[in-house]
mmCIF file of all heavy atoms, coordinates in Angstrom:
data_MODEL
# 
_entry.id   MODEL 
# 
loop_
_atom_site.group_PDB 
_atom_site.id 
_atom_site.type_symbol 
_atom_site.label_atom_id 
_atom_site.label_alt_id 
_atom_site.label_comp_id 
_atom_site.label_asym_id 
_atom_site.label_entity_id 
_atom_site.label_seq_id 
_atom_site.pdbx_PDB_ins_code 
_atom_site.Cartn_x 
_atom_site.Cartn_y 
_atom_site.Cartn_z 
_atom_site.occupancy 
_atom_site.B_iso_or_equiv 
_atom_site.pdbx_formal_charge 
_atom_site.auth_seq_id 
_atom_site.auth_comp_id 
_atom_site.auth_asym_id 
_atom_site.auth_atom_id 
_atom_site.pdbx_PDB_model_num 
ATOM 1   N N   . ASN A 1 1  ? 42.852 -21.731 138.850 1.00 0.00 ? 1  ASN A N   1 
ATOM 2   C CA  . ASN A 1 1  ? 42.327 -21.940 140.191 1.00 0.00 ? 1  ASN A CA  1 
ATOM 3   C C   . ASN A 1 1  ? 41.245 -23.012 140.184 1.00 0.00 ? 1  ASN A C   1 
ATOM 4   O O   . ASN A 1 1  ? 41.232 -23.910 141.013 1.00 0.00 ? 1  ASN A O   1 
ATOM 5   C CB  . ASN A 1 1  ? 41.772 -20.626 140.753 1.00 0.00 ? 1  ASN A CB  1 
ATOM 6   C CG  . ASN A 1 1  ? 41.062 -20.811 142.073 1.00 0.00 ? 1  ASN A CG  1 
ATOM 7   O OD1 . ASN A 1 1  ? 41.627 -21.318 143.025 1.00 0.00 ? 1  ASN A OD1 1 
ATOM 8   N ND2 . ASN A 1 1  ? 39.801 -20.417 142.128 1.00 0.00 ? 1  ASN A ND2 1 
ATOM 9   N N   . TYR A 1 2  ? 40.348 -22.919 139.222 1.00 0.00 ? 2  TYR A N   1 
ATOM 10  C CA  . TYR A 1 2  ? 39.253 -23.884 139.115 1.00 0.00 ? 2  TYR A CA  1 
ATOM 11  C C   . TYR A 1 2  ? 39.787 -25.279 138.777 1.00 0.00 ? 2  TYR A C   1 
ATOM 12  O O   . TYR A 1 2  ? 39.402 -26.273 139.402 1.00 0.00 ? 2  TYR A O   1 
ATOM 13  C CB  . TYR A 1 2  ? 38.252 -23.419 138.049 1.00 0.00 ? 2  TYR A CB  1 
ATOM 14  C CG  . TYR A 1 2  ? 37.110 -24.372 137.843 1.00 0.00 ? 2  TYR A CG  1 
ATOM 15  C CD1 . TYR A 1 2  ? 36.062 -24.419 138.755 1.00 0.00 ? 2  TYR A CD1 1 
ATOM 16  C CD2 . TYR A 1 2  ? 37.089 -25.231 136.752 1.00 0.00 ? 2  TYR A CD2 1 
ATOM 17  C CE1 . TYR A 1 2  ? 35.017 -25.299 138.574 1.00 0.00 ? 2  TYR A CE1 1 
ATOM 18  C CE2 . TYR A 1 2  ? 36.042 -26.110 136.555 1.00 0.00 ? 2  TYR A CE2 1 
ATOM 19  C CZ  . TYR A 1 2  ? 35.006 -26.156 137.475 1.00 0.00 ? 2  TYR A CZ  1 
ATOM 20  O OH  . TYR A 1 2  ? 33.972 -27.027 137.295 1.00 0.00 ? 2  TYR A OH  1 
ATOM 21  N N   . SER A 1 3  ? 40.695 -25.346 137.818 1.00 0.00 ? 3  SER A N   1 
ATOM 22  C CA  . SER A 1 3  ? 41.245 -26.635 137.377 1.00 0.00 ? 3  SER A CA  1 
ATOM 23  C C   . SER A 1 3  ? 42.093 -27.301 138.465 1.00 0.00 ? 3  SER A C   1 
ATOM 24  O O   . SER A 1 3  ? 42.057 -28.526 138.629 1.00 0.00 ? 3  SER A O   1 
ATOM 25  C CB  . SER A 1 3  ? 42.110 -26.457 136.132 1.00 0.00 ? 3  SER A CB  1 
ATOM 26  O OG  . SER A 1 3  ? 41.345 -25.965 135.074 1.00 0.00 ? 3  SER A OG  1 
ATOM 27  N N   . ALA A 1 4  ? 42.853 -26.524 139.179 1.00 0.00 ? 4  ALA A N   1 
ATOM 28  C CA  . ALA A 1 4  ? 43.777 -27.069 140.176 1.00 0.00 ? 4  ALA A CA  1 
ATOM 29  C C   . ALA A 1 4  ? 43.158 -27.176 141.567 1.00 0.00 ? 4  ALA A C   1 
ATOM 30  O O   . ALA A 1 4  ? 43.815 -27.625 142.497 1.00 0.00 ? 4  ALA A O   1 
ATOM 31  C CB  . ALA A 1 4  ? 45.037 -26.211 140.233 1.00 0.00 ? 4  ALA A CB  1 
ATOM 32  N N   . ASN A 1 5  ? 41.921 -26.723 141.711 1.00 0.00 ? 5  ASN A N   1 
ATOM 33  C CA  . ASN A 1 5  ? 41.254 -26.745 143.017 1.00 0.00 ? 5  ASN A CA  1 
ATOM 34  C C   . ASN A 1 5  ? 42.042 -25.999 144.093 1.00 0.00 ? 5  ASN A C   1 
ATOM 35  O O   . ASN A 1 5  ? 42.200 -26.471 145.216 1.00 0.00 ? 5  ASN A O   1 
ATOM 36  C CB  . ASN A 1 5  ? 41.003 -28.173 143.489 1.00 0.00 ? 5  ASN A CB  1 
ATOM 37  C CG  . ASN A 1 5  ? 39.582 -28.595 143.249 1.00 0.00 ? 5  ASN A CG  1 
ATOM 38  O OD1 . ASN A 1 5  ? 38.715 -27.771 142.995 1.00 0.00 ? 5  ASN A OD1 1 
ATOM 39  N ND2 . ASN A 1 5  ? 39.353 -29.897 143.327 1.00 0.00 ? 5  ASN A ND2 1 
ATOM 40  N N   . TRP A 1 6  ? 42.581 -24.840 143.727 1.00 0.00 ? 6  TRP A N   1 
ATOM 41  C CA  . TRP A 1 6  ? 43.386 -24.074 144.675 1.00 0.00 ? 6  TRP A CA  1 
ATOM 42  C C   . TRP A 1 6  ? 42.558 -23.334 145.719 1.00 0.00 ? 6  TRP A C   1 
ATOM 43  O O   . TRP A 1 6  ? 43.046 -22.999 146.773 1.00 0.00 ? 6  TRP A O   1 
ATOM 44  C CB  . TRP A 1 6  ? 44.245 -23.053 143.935 1.00 0.00 ? 6  TRP A CB  1 
ATOM 45  C CG  . TRP A 1 6  ? 45.417 -23.627 143.236 1.00 0.00 ? 6  TRP A CG  1 
ATOM 46  C CD1 . TRP A 1 6  ? 45.924 -24.883 143.361 1.00 0.00 ? 6  TRP A CD1 1 
ATOM 47  C CD2 . TRP A 1 6  ? 46.242 -22.952 142.303 1.00 0.00 ? 6  TRP A CD2 1 
ATOM 48  N NE1 . TRP A 1 6  ? 47.013 -25.044 142.561 1.00 0.00 ? 6  TRP A NE1 1 
ATOM 49  C CE2 . TRP A 1 6  ? 47.230 -23.864 141.892 1.00 0.00 ? 6  TRP A CE2 1 
ATOM 50  C CE3 . TRP A 1 6  ? 46.243 -21.684 141.766 1.00 0.00 ? 6  TRP A CE3 1 
ATOM 51  C CZ2 . TRP A 1 6  ? 48.214 -23.532 140.976 1.00 0.00 ? 6  TRP A CZ2 1 
ATOM 52  C CZ3 . TRP A 1 6  ? 47.215 -21.356 140.860 1.00 0.00 ? 6  TRP A CZ3 1 
ATOM 53  C CH2 . TRP A 1 6  ? 48.199 -22.270 140.468 1.00 0.00 ? 6  TRP A CH2 1 
ATOM 54  N N   . ASN A 1 7  ? 41.348 -22.985 145.370 1.00 0.00 ? 7  ASN A N   1 
ATOM 55  C CA  . ASN A 1 7  ? 40.468 -22.256 146.287 1.00 0.00 ? 7  ASN A CA  1 
ATOM 56  C C   . ASN A 1 7  ? 41.031 -20.874 146.656 1.00 0.00 ? 7  ASN A C   1 
ATOM 57  O O   . ASN A 1 7  ? 41.077 -20.500 147.833 1.00 0.00 ? 7  ASN A O   1 
ATOM 58  C CB  . ASN A 1 7  ? 40.193 -23.088 147.541 1.00 0.00 ? 7  ASN A CB  1 
ATOM 59  C CG  . ASN A 1 7  ? 38.961 -22.589 148.278 1.00 0.00 ? 7  ASN A CG  1 
ATOM 60  O OD1 . ASN A 1 7  ? 38.093 -21.968 147.688 1.00 0.00 ? 7  ASN A OD1 1 
ATOM 61  N ND2 . ASN A 1 7  ? 38.908 -22.854 149.565 1.00 0.00 ? 7  ASN A ND2 1 
ATOM 62  N N   . ILE A 1 8  ? 41.495 -20.143 145.635 1.00 0.00 ? 8  ILE A N   1 
ATOM 63  C CA  . ILE A 1 8  ? 42.040 -18.796 145.870 1.00 0.00 ? 8  ILE A CA  1 
ATOM 64  C C   . ILE A 1 8  ? 41.221 -17.720 145.151 1.00 0.00 ? 8  ILE A C   1 
ATOM 65  O O   . ILE A 1 8  ? 41.692 -16.610 144.946 1.00 0.00 ? 8  ILE A O   1 
ATOM 66  C CB  . ILE A 1 8  ? 43.516 -18.700 145.431 1.00 0.00 ? 8  ILE A CB  1 
ATOM 67  C CG1 . ILE A 1 8  ? 43.667 -19.021 143.942 1.00 0.00 ? 8  ILE A CG1 1 
ATOM 68  C CG2 . ILE A 1 8  ? 44.410 -19.563 146.301 1.00 0.00 ? 8  ILE A CG2 1 
ATOM 69  C CD1 . ILE A 1 8  ? 45.009 -18.652 143.363 1.00 0.00 ? 8  ILE A CD1 1 
ATOM 70  N N   . GLN A 1 9  ? 39.992 -18.044 144.785 1.00 0.00 ? 9  GLN A N   1 
ATOM 71  C CA  . GLN A 1 9  ? 39.185 -17.103 144.010 1.00 0.00 ? 9  GLN A CA  1 
ATOM 72  C C   . GLN A 1 9  ? 38.967 -15.781 144.744 1.00 0.00 ? 9  GLN A C   1 
ATOM 73  O O   . GLN A 1 9  ? 38.974 -14.722 144.131 1.00 0.00 ? 9  GLN A O   1 
ATOM 74  C CB  . GLN A 1 9  ? 37.840 -17.721 143.619 1.00 0.00 ? 9  GLN A CB  1 
ATOM 75  C CG  . GLN A 1 9  ? 37.106 -16.942 142.541 1.00 0.00 ? 9  GLN A CG  1 
ATOM 76  C CD  . GLN A 1 9  ? 37.905 -16.857 141.236 1.00 0.00 ? 9  GLN A CD  1 
ATOM 77  O OE1 . GLN A 1 9  ? 38.488 -17.828 140.780 1.00 0.00 ? 9  GLN A OE1 1 
ATOM 78  N NE2 . GLN A 1 9  ? 37.934 -15.675 140.652 1.00 0.00 ? 9  GLN A NE2 1 
ATOM 79  N N   . LEU A 1 10 ? 38.784 -15.829 146.056 1.00 0.00 ? 10 LEU A N   1 
ATOM 80  C CA  . LEU A 1 10 ? 38.608 -14.575 146.802 1.00 0.00 ? 10 LEU A CA  1 
ATOM 81  C C   . LEU A 1 10 ? 39.865 -13.708 146.732 1.00 0.00 ? 10 LEU A C   1 
ATOM 82  O O   . LEU A 1 10 ? 39.775 -12.481 146.664 1.00 0.00 ? 10 LEU A O   1 
ATOM 83  C CB  . LEU A 1 10 ? 38.227 -14.846 148.251 1.00 0.00 ? 10 LEU A CB  1 
ATOM 84  C CG  . LEU A 1 10 ? 36.761 -15.201 148.496 1.00 0.00 ? 10 LEU A CG  1 
ATOM 85  C CD1 . LEU A 1 10 ? 36.512 -15.484 149.970 1.00 0.00 ? 10 LEU A CD1 1 
ATOM 86  C CD2 . LEU A 1 10 ? 35.831 -14.106 147.997 1.00 0.00 ? 10 LEU A CD2 1 
ATOM 87  N N   . TYR A 1 11 ? 41.033 -14.339 146.718 1.00 0.00 ? 11 TYR A N   1 
ATOM 88  C CA  . TYR A 1 11 ? 42.278 -13.570 146.588 1.00 0.00 ? 11 TYR A CA  1 
ATOM 89  C C   . TYR A 1 11 ? 42.392 -12.973 145.191 1.00 0.00 ? 11 TYR A C   1 
ATOM 90  O O   . TYR A 1 11 ? 42.831 -11.832 145.032 1.00 0.00 ? 11 TYR A O   1 
ATOM 91  C CB  . TYR A 1 11 ? 43.494 -14.449 146.919 1.00 0.00 ? 11 TYR A CB  1 
ATOM 92  C CG  . TYR A 1 11 ? 43.599 -14.716 148.390 1.00 0.00 ? 11 TYR A CG  1 
ATOM 93  C CD1 . TYR A 1 11 ? 43.060 -15.880 148.934 1.00 0.00 ? 11 TYR A CD1 1 
ATOM 94  C CD2 . TYR A 1 11 ? 44.199 -13.803 149.246 1.00 0.00 ? 11 TYR A CD2 1 
ATOM 95  C CE1 . TYR A 1 11 ? 43.129 -16.120 150.295 1.00 0.00 ? 11 TYR A CE1 1 
ATOM 96  C CE2 . TYR A 1 11 ? 44.274 -14.032 150.605 1.00 0.00 ? 11 TYR A CE2 1 
ATOM 97  C CZ  . TYR A 1 11 ? 43.733 -15.194 151.117 1.00 0.00 ? 11 TYR A CZ  1 
ATOM 98  O OH  . TYR A 1 11 ? 43.796 -15.416 152.472 1.00 0.00 ? 11 TYR A OH  1 
ATOM 99  N N   . LEU A 1 12 ? 41.989 -13.740 144.193 1.00 0.00 ? 12 LEU A N   1 
ATOM 100 C CA  . LEU A 1 12 ? 41.993 -13.213 142.824 1.00 0.00 ? 12 LEU A CA  1 
ATOM 101 C C   . LEU A 1 12 ? 41.021 -12.046 142.698 1.00 0.00 ? 12 LEU A C   1 
ATOM 102 O O   . LEU A 1 12 ? 41.339 -11.027 142.091 1.00 0.00 ? 12 LEU A O   1 
ATOM 103 C CB  . LEU A 1 12 ? 41.645 -14.315 141.821 1.00 0.00 ? 12 LEU A CB  1 
ATOM 104 C CG  . LEU A 1 12 ? 42.651 -15.456 141.704 1.00 0.00 ? 12 LEU A CG  1 
ATOM 105 C CD1 . LEU A 1 12 ? 42.122 -16.539 140.773 1.00 0.00 ? 12 LEU A CD1 1 
ATOM 106 C CD2 . LEU A 1 12 ? 43.992 -14.943 141.229 1.00 0.00 ? 12 LEU A CD2 1 
ATOM 107 N N   . THR A 1 13 ? 39.845 -12.199 143.280 1.00 0.00 ? 13 THR A N   1 
ATOM 108 C CA  . THR A 1 13 ? 38.846 -11.121 143.241 1.00 0.00 ? 13 THR A CA  1 
ATOM 109 C C   . THR A 1 13 ? 39.355 -9.891  143.973 1.00 0.00 ? 13 THR A C   1 
ATOM 110 O O   . THR A 1 13 ? 39.234 -8.765  143.485 1.00 0.00 ? 13 THR A O   1 
ATOM 111 C CB  . THR A 1 13 ? 37.524 -11.604 143.856 1.00 0.00 ? 13 THR A CB  1 
ATOM 112 O OG1 . THR A 1 13 ? 37.066 -12.742 143.121 1.00 0.00 ? 13 THR A OG1 1 
ATOM 113 C CG2 . THR A 1 13 ? 36.465 -10.512 143.838 1.00 0.00 ? 13 THR A CG2 1 
ATOM 114 N N   . SER A 1 14 ? 39.941 -10.094 145.135 1.00 0.00 ? 14 SER A N   1 
ATOM 115 C CA  . SER A 1 14 ? 40.497 -8.989  145.912 1.00 0.00 ? 14 SER A CA  1 
ATOM 116 C C   . SER A 1 14 ? 41.600 -8.271  145.135 1.00 0.00 ? 14 SER A C   1 
ATOM 117 O O   . SER A 1 14 ? 41.655 -7.038  145.081 1.00 0.00 ? 14 SER A O   1 
ATOM 118 C CB  . SER A 1 14 ? 41.035 -9.533  147.233 1.00 0.00 ? 14 SER A CB  1 
ATOM 119 O OG  . SER A 1 14 ? 41.643 -8.523  147.985 1.00 0.00 ? 14 SER A OG  1 
ATOM 120 N N   . GLY A 1 15 ? 42.477 -9.055  144.515 1.00 0.00 ? 15 GLY A N   1 
ATOM 121 C CA  . GLY A 1 15 ? 43.538 -8.472  143.697 1.00 0.00 ? 15 GLY A CA  1 
ATOM 122 C C   . GLY A 1 15 ? 42.990 -7.706  142.514 1.00 0.00 ? 15 GLY A C   1 
ATOM 123 O O   . GLY A 1 15 ? 43.474 -6.621  142.182 1.00 0.00 ? 15 GLY A O   1 
ATOM 124 N N   . PHE A 1 16 ? 41.972 -8.240  141.894 1.00 0.00 ? 16 PHE A N   1 
ATOM 125 C CA  . PHE A 1 16 ? 41.361 -7.563  140.749 1.00 0.00 ? 16 PHE A CA  1 
ATOM 126 C C   . PHE A 1 16 ? 40.730 -6.234  141.171 1.00 0.00 ? 16 PHE A C   1 
ATOM 127 O O   . PHE A 1 16 ? 40.837 -5.239  140.458 1.00 0.00 ? 16 PHE A O   1 
ATOM 128 C CB  . PHE A 1 16 ? 40.322 -8.471  140.084 1.00 0.00 ? 16 PHE A CB  1 
ATOM 129 C CG  . PHE A 1 16 ? 39.830 -7.942  138.776 1.00 0.00 ? 16 PHE A CG  1 
ATOM 130 C CD1 . PHE A 1 16 ? 40.623 -8.038  137.640 1.00 0.00 ? 16 PHE A CD1 1 
ATOM 131 C CD2 . PHE A 1 16 ? 38.599 -7.326  138.673 1.00 0.00 ? 16 PHE A CD2 1 
ATOM 132 C CE1 . PHE A 1 16 ? 40.181 -7.546  136.415 1.00 0.00 ? 16 PHE A CE1 1 
ATOM 133 C CE2 . PHE A 1 16 ? 38.147 -6.831  137.468 1.00 0.00 ? 16 PHE A CE2 1 
ATOM 134 C CZ  . PHE A 1 16 ? 38.939 -6.936  136.335 1.00 0.00 ? 16 PHE A CZ  1 
ATOM 135 N N   . ILE A 1 17 ? 40.125 -6.211  142.337 1.00 0.00 ? 17 ILE A N   1 
ATOM 136 C CA  . ILE A 1 17 ? 39.545 -4.957  142.854 1.00 0.00 ? 17 ILE A CA  1 
ATOM 137 C C   . ILE A 1 17 ? 40.643 -3.926  143.069 1.00 0.00 ? 17 ILE A C   1 
ATOM 138 O O   . ILE A 1 17 ? 40.499 -2.749  142.712 1.00 0.00 ? 17 ILE A O   1 
ATOM 139 C CB  . ILE A 1 17 ? 38.747 -5.214  144.150 1.00 0.00 ? 17 ILE A CB  1 
ATOM 140 C CG1 . ILE A 1 17 ? 37.449 -5.967  143.814 1.00 0.00 ? 17 ILE A CG1 1 
ATOM 141 C CG2 . ILE A 1 17 ? 38.433 -3.898  144.885 1.00 0.00 ? 17 ILE A CG2 1 
ATOM 142 C CD1 . ILE A 1 17 ? 36.708 -6.499  145.024 1.00 0.00 ? 17 ILE A CD1 1 
ATOM 143 N N   . GLY A 1 18 ? 41.762 -4.344  143.639 1.00 0.00 ? 18 GLY A N   1 
ATOM 144 C CA  . GLY A 1 18 ? 42.889 -3.429  143.849 1.00 0.00 ? 18 GLY A CA  1 
ATOM 145 C C   . GLY A 1 18 ? 43.431 -2.891  142.540 1.00 0.00 ? 18 GLY A C   1 
ATOM 146 O O   . GLY A 1 18 ? 43.684 -1.688  142.395 1.00 0.00 ? 18 GLY A O   1 
ATOM 147 N N   . ILE A 1 19 ? 43.603 -3.764  141.562 1.00 0.00 ? 19 ILE A N   1 
ATOM 148 C CA  . ILE A 1 19 ? 44.114 -3.343  140.259 1.00 0.00 ? 19 ILE A CA  1 
ATOM 149 C C   . ILE A 1 19 ? 43.112 -2.429  139.559 1.00 0.00 ? 19 ILE A C   1 
ATOM 150 O O   . ILE A 1 19 ? 43.487 -1.410  138.966 1.00 0.00 ? 19 ILE A O   1 
ATOM 151 C CB  . ILE A 1 19 ? 44.461 -4.568  139.395 1.00 0.00 ? 19 ILE A CB  1 
ATOM 152 C CG1 . ILE A 1 19 ? 45.717 -5.234  139.953 1.00 0.00 ? 19 ILE A CG1 1 
ATOM 153 C CG2 . ILE A 1 19 ? 44.641 -4.190  137.933 1.00 0.00 ? 19 ILE A CG2 1 
ATOM 154 C CD1 . ILE A 1 19 ? 45.965 -6.624  139.465 1.00 0.00 ? 19 ILE A CD1 1 
ATOM 155 N N   . ALA A 1 20 ? 41.836 -2.765  139.641 1.00 0.00 ? 20 ALA A N   1 
ATOM 156 C CA  . ALA A 1 20 ? 40.804 -1.924  139.021 1.00 0.00 ? 20 ALA A CA  1 
ATOM 157 C C   . ALA A 1 20 ? 40.802 -0.524  139.639 1.00 0.00 ? 20 ALA A C   1 
ATOM 158 O O   . ALA A 1 20 ? 40.628 0.481   138.930 1.00 0.00 ? 20 ALA A O   1 
ATOM 159 C CB  . ALA A 1 20 ? 39.427 -2.576  139.163 1.00 0.00 ? 20 ALA A CB  1 
ATOM 160 N N   . SER A 1 21 ? 41.031 -0.441  140.955 1.00 0.00 ? 21 SER A N   1 
ATOM 161 C CA  . SER A 1 21 ? 41.081 0.889   141.587 1.00 0.00 ? 21 SER A CA  1 
ATOM 162 C C   . SER A 1 21 ? 42.283 1.672   141.070 1.00 0.00 ? 21 SER A C   1 
ATOM 163 O O   . SER A 1 21 ? 42.196 2.884   140.853 1.00 0.00 ? 21 SER A O   1 
ATOM 164 C CB  . SER A 1 21 ? 41.127 0.765   143.115 1.00 0.00 ? 21 SER A CB  1 
ATOM 165 O OG  . SER A 1 21 ? 42.400 0.364   143.567 1.00 0.00 ? 21 SER A OG  1 
ATOM 166 N N   . HIS A 1 22 ? 43.397 0.981   140.860 1.00 0.00 ? 22 HIS A N   1 
ATOM 167 C CA  . HIS A 1 22 ? 44.596 1.633   140.314 1.00 0.00 ? 22 HIS A CA  1 
ATOM 168 C C   . HIS A 1 22 ? 44.300 2.206   138.930 1.00 0.00 ? 22 HIS A C   1 
ATOM 169 O O   . HIS A 1 22 ? 44.590 3.381   138.653 1.00 0.00 ? 22 HIS A O   1 
ATOM 170 C CB  . HIS A 1 22 ? 45.746 0.625   140.223 1.00 0.00 ? 22 HIS A CB  1 
ATOM 171 C CG  . HIS A 1 22 ? 47.012 1.226   139.711 1.00 0.00 ? 22 HIS A CG  1 
ATOM 172 N ND1 . HIS A 1 22 ? 48.105 1.413   140.513 1.00 0.00 ? 22 HIS A ND1 1 
ATOM 173 C CD2 . HIS A 1 22 ? 47.371 1.693   138.487 1.00 0.00 ? 22 HIS A CD2 1 
ATOM 174 C CE1 . HIS A 1 22 ? 49.074 1.973   139.808 1.00 0.00 ? 22 HIS A CE1 1 
ATOM 175 N NE2 . HIS A 1 22 ? 48.654 2.147   138.566 1.00 0.00 ? 22 HIS A NE2 1 
ATOM 176 N N   . LEU A 1 23 ? 43.731 1.381   138.070 1.00 0.00 ? 23 LEU A N   1 
ATOM 177 C CA  . LEU A 1 23 ? 43.428 1.834   136.710 1.00 0.00 ? 23 LEU A CA  1 
ATOM 178 C C   . LEU A 1 23 ? 42.407 2.971   136.718 1.00 0.00 ? 23 LEU A C   1 
ATOM 179 O O   . LEU A 1 23 ? 42.535 3.927   135.956 1.00 0.00 ? 23 LEU A O   1 
ATOM 180 C CB  . LEU A 1 23 ? 42.947 0.661   135.860 1.00 0.00 ? 23 LEU A CB  1 
ATOM 181 C CG  . LEU A 1 23 ? 43.976 -0.461  135.655 1.00 0.00 ? 23 LEU A CG  1 
ATOM 182 C CD1 . LEU A 1 23 ? 43.360 -1.598  134.863 1.00 0.00 ? 23 LEU A CD1 1 
ATOM 183 C CD2 . LEU A 1 23 ? 45.242 0.053   135.001 1.00 0.00 ? 23 LEU A CD2 1 
ATOM 184 N N   . PHE A 1 24 ? 41.409 2.873   137.604 1.00 0.00 ? 24 PHE A N   1 
ATOM 185 C CA  . PHE A 1 24 ? 40.426 3.947   137.709 1.00 0.00 ? 24 PHE A CA  1 
ATOM 186 C C   . PHE A 1 24 ? 41.094 5.258   138.115 1.00 0.00 ? 24 PHE A C   1 
ATOM 187 O O   . PHE A 1 24 ? 40.833 6.317   137.514 1.00 0.00 ? 24 PHE A O   1 
ATOM 188 C CB  . PHE A 1 24 ? 39.326 3.598   138.722 1.00 0.00 ? 24 PHE A CB  1 
ATOM 189 C CG  . PHE A 1 24 ? 38.418 4.753   139.014 1.00 0.00 ? 24 PHE A CG  1 
ATOM 190 C CD1 . PHE A 1 24 ? 37.404 5.096   138.122 1.00 0.00 ? 24 PHE A CD1 1 
ATOM 191 C CD2 . PHE A 1 24 ? 38.599 5.537   140.142 1.00 0.00 ? 24 PHE A CD2 1 
ATOM 192 C CE1 . PHE A 1 24 ? 36.574 6.182   138.377 1.00 0.00 ? 24 PHE A CE1 1 
ATOM 193 C CE2 . PHE A 1 24 ? 37.779 6.621   140.400 1.00 0.00 ? 24 PHE A CE2 1 
ATOM 194 C CZ  . PHE A 1 24 ? 36.764 6.948   139.517 1.00 0.00 ? 24 PHE A CZ  1 
ATOM 195 N N   . LEU A 1 25 ? 41.962 5.199   139.107 1.00 0.00 ? 25 LEU A N   1 
ATOM 196 C CA  . LEU A 1 25 ? 42.633 6.423   139.564 1.00 0.00 ? 25 LEU A CA  1 
ATOM 197 C C   . LEU A 1 25 ? 43.552 6.997   138.490 1.00 0.00 ? 25 LEU A C   1 
ATOM 198 O O   . LEU A 1 25 ? 43.661 8.216   138.353 1.00 0.00 ? 25 LEU A O   1 
ATOM 199 C CB  . LEU A 1 25 ? 43.402 6.168   140.860 1.00 0.00 ? 25 LEU A CB  1 
ATOM 200 C CG  . LEU A 1 25 ? 42.534 5.953   142.097 1.00 0.00 ? 25 LEU A CG  1 
ATOM 201 C CD1 . LEU A 1 25 ? 43.376 5.504   143.273 1.00 0.00 ? 25 LEU A CD1 1 
ATOM 202 C CD2 . LEU A 1 25 ? 41.739 7.204   142.438 1.00 0.00 ? 25 LEU A CD2 1 
ATOM 203 N N   . ASP A 1 26 ? 44.209 6.133   137.727 1.00 0.00 ? 26 ASP A N   1 
ATOM 204 C CA  . ASP A 1 26 ? 45.049 6.626   136.630 1.00 0.00 ? 26 ASP A CA  1 
ATOM 205 C C   . ASP A 1 26 ? 44.204 7.291   135.548 1.00 0.00 ? 26 ASP A C   1 
ATOM 206 O O   . ASP A 1 26 ? 44.637 8.245   134.912 1.00 0.00 ? 26 ASP A O   1 
ATOM 207 C CB  . ASP A 1 26 ? 45.882 5.500   136.028 1.00 0.00 ? 26 ASP A CB  1 
ATOM 208 C CG  . ASP A 1 26 ? 47.117 5.186   136.845 1.00 0.00 ? 26 ASP A CG  1 
ATOM 209 O OD1 . ASP A 1 26 ? 47.396 5.921   137.820 1.00 0.00 ? 26 ASP A OD1 1 
ATOM 210 O OD2 . ASP A 1 26 ? 47.801 4.202   136.526 1.00 0.00 ? 26 ASP A OD2 1 
ATOM 211 N N   . TRP A 1 27 ? 43.007 6.790   135.319 1.00 0.00 ? 27 TRP A N   1 
ATOM 212 C CA  . TRP A 1 27 ? 42.090 7.429   134.362 1.00 0.00 ? 27 TRP A CA  1 
ATOM 213 C C   . TRP A 1 27 ? 41.565 8.734   134.947 1.00 0.00 ? 27 TRP A C   1 
ATOM 214 O O   . TRP A 1 27 ? 41.541 9.763   134.285 1.00 0.00 ? 27 TRP A O   1 
ATOM 215 C CB  . TRP A 1 27 ? 40.917 6.493   134.038 1.00 0.00 ? 27 TRP A CB  1 
ATOM 216 C CG  . TRP A 1 27 ? 39.803 7.197   133.340 1.00 0.00 ? 27 TRP A CG  1 
ATOM 217 C CD1 . TRP A 1 27 ? 39.732 7.511   132.016 1.00 0.00 ? 27 TRP A CD1 1 
ATOM 218 C CD2 . TRP A 1 27 ? 38.616 7.715   133.931 1.00 0.00 ? 27 TRP A CD2 1 
ATOM 219 N NE1 . TRP A 1 27 ? 38.557 8.187   131.740 1.00 0.00 ? 27 TRP A NE1 1 
ATOM 220 C CE2 . TRP A 1 27 ? 37.857 8.326   132.918 1.00 0.00 ? 27 TRP A CE2 1 
ATOM 221 C CE3 . TRP A 1 27 ? 38.108 7.715   135.236 1.00 0.00 ? 27 TRP A CE3 1 
ATOM 222 C CZ2 . TRP A 1 27 ? 36.626 8.933   133.155 1.00 0.00 ? 27 TRP A CZ2 1 
ATOM 223 C CZ3 . TRP A 1 27 ? 36.882 8.317   135.476 1.00 0.00 ? 27 TRP A CZ3 1 
ATOM 224 C CH2 . TRP A 1 27 ? 36.164 8.910   134.440 1.00 0.00 ? 27 TRP A CH2 1 
ATOM 225 N N   . TYR A 1 28 ? 41.159 8.695   136.200 1.00 0.00 ? 28 TYR A N   1 
ATOM 226 C CA  . TYR A 1 28 ? 40.547 9.842   136.863 1.00 0.00 ? 28 TYR A CA  1 
ATOM 227 C C   . TYR A 1 28 ? 41.497 11.029  136.952 1.00 0.00 ? 28 TYR A C   1 
ATOM 228 O O   . TYR A 1 28 ? 41.129 12.153  136.661 1.00 0.00 ? 28 TYR A O   1 
ATOM 229 C CB  . TYR A 1 28 ? 40.093 9.428   138.272 1.00 0.00 ? 28 TYR A CB  1 
ATOM 230 C CG  . TYR A 1 28 ? 39.607 10.573  139.128 1.00 0.00 ? 28 TYR A CG  1 
ATOM 231 C CD1 . TYR A 1 28 ? 38.329 11.072  138.966 1.00 0.00 ? 28 TYR A CD1 1 
ATOM 232 C CD2 . TYR A 1 28 ? 40.425 11.143  140.089 1.00 0.00 ? 28 TYR A CD2 1 
ATOM 233 C CE1 . TYR A 1 28 ? 37.877 12.120  139.748 1.00 0.00 ? 28 TYR A CE1 1 
ATOM 234 C CE2 . TYR A 1 28 ? 39.982 12.183  140.875 1.00 0.00 ? 28 TYR A CE2 1 
ATOM 235 C CZ  . TYR A 1 28 ? 38.708 12.670  140.703 1.00 0.00 ? 28 TYR A CZ  1 
ATOM 236 O OH  . TYR A 1 28 ? 38.274 13.708  141.470 1.00 0.00 ? 28 TYR A OH  1 
# 
């Protein structure tokens, strides 16, 4: 994203939050 100047960091962050919640719930 940084190298290609895509400007999608918020989408990556949002996706990471969703995935982290999935992993947390699987642990919980």
